[in-house]
Protein backbone atom coordinates (compact mmCIF):
# COMPACT_ATOMS: atom_id res chain seq x y z
CA MET A 1 -85.90 90.94 22.57
CA GLU A 2 -86.80 88.85 25.83
CA THR A 3 -89.49 86.96 23.48
CA ALA A 4 -86.87 86.48 20.80
CA LEU A 5 -84.32 84.87 23.35
CA ALA A 6 -87.02 82.62 24.93
CA LYS A 7 -87.78 81.36 21.81
CA VAL A 8 -84.25 80.60 21.02
CA ALA A 9 -83.86 78.69 24.48
CA GLU A 10 -86.89 76.86 24.00
CA MET A 11 -85.80 75.27 20.19
CA GLN A 12 -82.30 74.21 22.28
CA ALA A 13 -82.31 70.44 23.30
CA PRO A 14 -81.55 70.20 27.10
CA ALA A 15 -78.38 69.65 28.09
CA GLY A 16 -79.23 65.61 28.96
CA GLN A 17 -80.16 64.49 25.20
CA ALA A 18 -77.53 63.68 22.80
CA ALA A 19 -77.59 64.26 19.00
CA PRO A 20 -79.26 61.79 17.05
CA GLN A 21 -76.48 59.45 15.44
CA ARG A 22 -75.70 58.84 12.06
CA ARG A 23 -76.11 55.38 10.49
CA ARG A 24 -72.86 53.82 8.71
CA LYS A 25 -73.37 52.43 5.61
CA PRO A 26 -72.81 48.67 5.51
CA ARG A 27 -69.68 47.48 5.12
CA GLN A 28 -70.18 45.35 1.76
CA GLN A 29 -70.94 49.12 -0.03
CA SER A 30 -67.76 49.98 0.69
CA GLU A 31 -65.72 47.02 -0.94
CA GLU A 32 -67.45 47.58 -4.46
CA VAL A 33 -65.18 47.94 -7.34
CA ALA A 34 -66.42 50.03 -10.32
CA ARG A 35 -65.14 49.34 -13.98
CA TYR A 36 -66.04 51.61 -16.28
CA PHE A 37 -66.47 51.14 -20.16
CA LEU A 38 -66.72 52.54 -23.62
CA ALA A 39 -70.00 51.79 -25.51
CA LYS A 40 -69.29 49.80 -28.33
CA ASP A 41 -69.98 51.76 -31.79
CA GLY A 42 -73.28 50.41 -32.63
CA SER A 43 -74.24 50.01 -28.92
CA SER A 44 -78.07 51.33 -27.99
CA ILE A 45 -79.61 51.60 -24.63
CA ASP A 46 -82.06 49.22 -26.14
CA LYS A 47 -78.82 46.93 -26.70
CA PRO A 48 -75.95 47.69 -24.93
CA GLU A 49 -72.29 46.83 -25.66
CA LEU A 50 -68.92 47.15 -24.09
CA GLY A 51 -66.06 48.70 -25.84
CA ALA A 52 -63.22 49.14 -24.04
CA GLU A 53 -62.17 49.32 -20.31
CA VAL A 54 -60.81 52.50 -19.10
CA ALA A 55 -59.10 53.20 -15.63
CA SER A 56 -61.46 55.74 -14.30
CA GLU A 57 -64.33 57.55 -14.48
CA GLY A 58 -62.57 60.91 -15.17
CA GLU A 59 -60.92 58.99 -18.32
CA ALA A 60 -63.91 57.07 -19.50
CA LEU A 61 -66.02 60.64 -19.21
CA ILE A 62 -63.21 62.48 -21.36
CA ARG A 63 -62.82 59.53 -23.85
CA ALA A 64 -66.53 59.29 -24.08
CA PHE A 65 -66.53 63.16 -24.62
CA GLN A 66 -63.95 62.69 -27.63
CA SER A 67 -65.98 59.65 -29.31
CA LYS A 68 -69.37 59.94 -31.86
CA ASN A 69 -71.76 58.65 -29.25
CA GLY A 70 -70.06 60.17 -25.64
CA VAL A 71 -71.65 56.84 -23.73
CA ILE A 72 -70.04 55.21 -20.55
CA TYR A 73 -71.18 52.52 -18.67
CA THR A 74 -70.43 51.84 -14.99
CA VAL A 75 -70.15 47.52 -14.23
CA LEU A 76 -70.48 46.29 -10.58
CA ALA A 77 -69.87 42.97 -10.16
CA TYR A 78 -71.45 40.67 -7.66
CA LYS A 79 -71.02 37.15 -6.42
CA ALA A 80 -74.83 35.51 -5.21
CA GLU A 81 -73.73 33.47 -1.90
CA ALA A 82 -76.16 31.48 0.26
CA GLU A 83 -74.87 32.45 4.17
CA ILE A 84 -76.86 30.65 7.17
CA GLN A 85 -78.51 32.33 9.76
CA GLY A 86 -80.70 30.36 12.34
CA GLY A 87 -81.09 27.37 10.14
CA SER A 88 -82.52 28.91 7.44
CA PRO A 89 -80.52 30.02 3.88
CA THR A 90 -80.54 33.47 2.83
CA LEU A 91 -78.99 34.72 -0.35
CA VAL A 92 -76.26 37.81 -0.35
CA LYS A 93 -74.71 39.18 -2.82
CA ARG A 94 -70.57 39.76 -2.38
CA PRO A 95 -68.72 42.09 -4.62
CA LEU A 96 -65.90 40.53 -6.79
CA ARG A 97 -62.57 42.53 -7.48
CA LYS A 98 -61.06 42.49 -10.64
């Protein structure tokens, strides 16, 4: 019993050490707006064609399930912009809103 308690005590971090901090996702990802489209009739993986846009992922899944092909497309739109840092340009992507 004492050896089990000693092992547990060894496994615990010393009181002076803090738990590792979690990294936050960049703010850019939280600004992304996904748009949902049903696949157009005759569309394929090789040649995707967007059909009707729907308001939410849930609605897209339901309507795709009811259709004959059952495929939805999720679109994220970005704009490429140059950002000057330290005298040299860096290309960044900025989310576009509908």
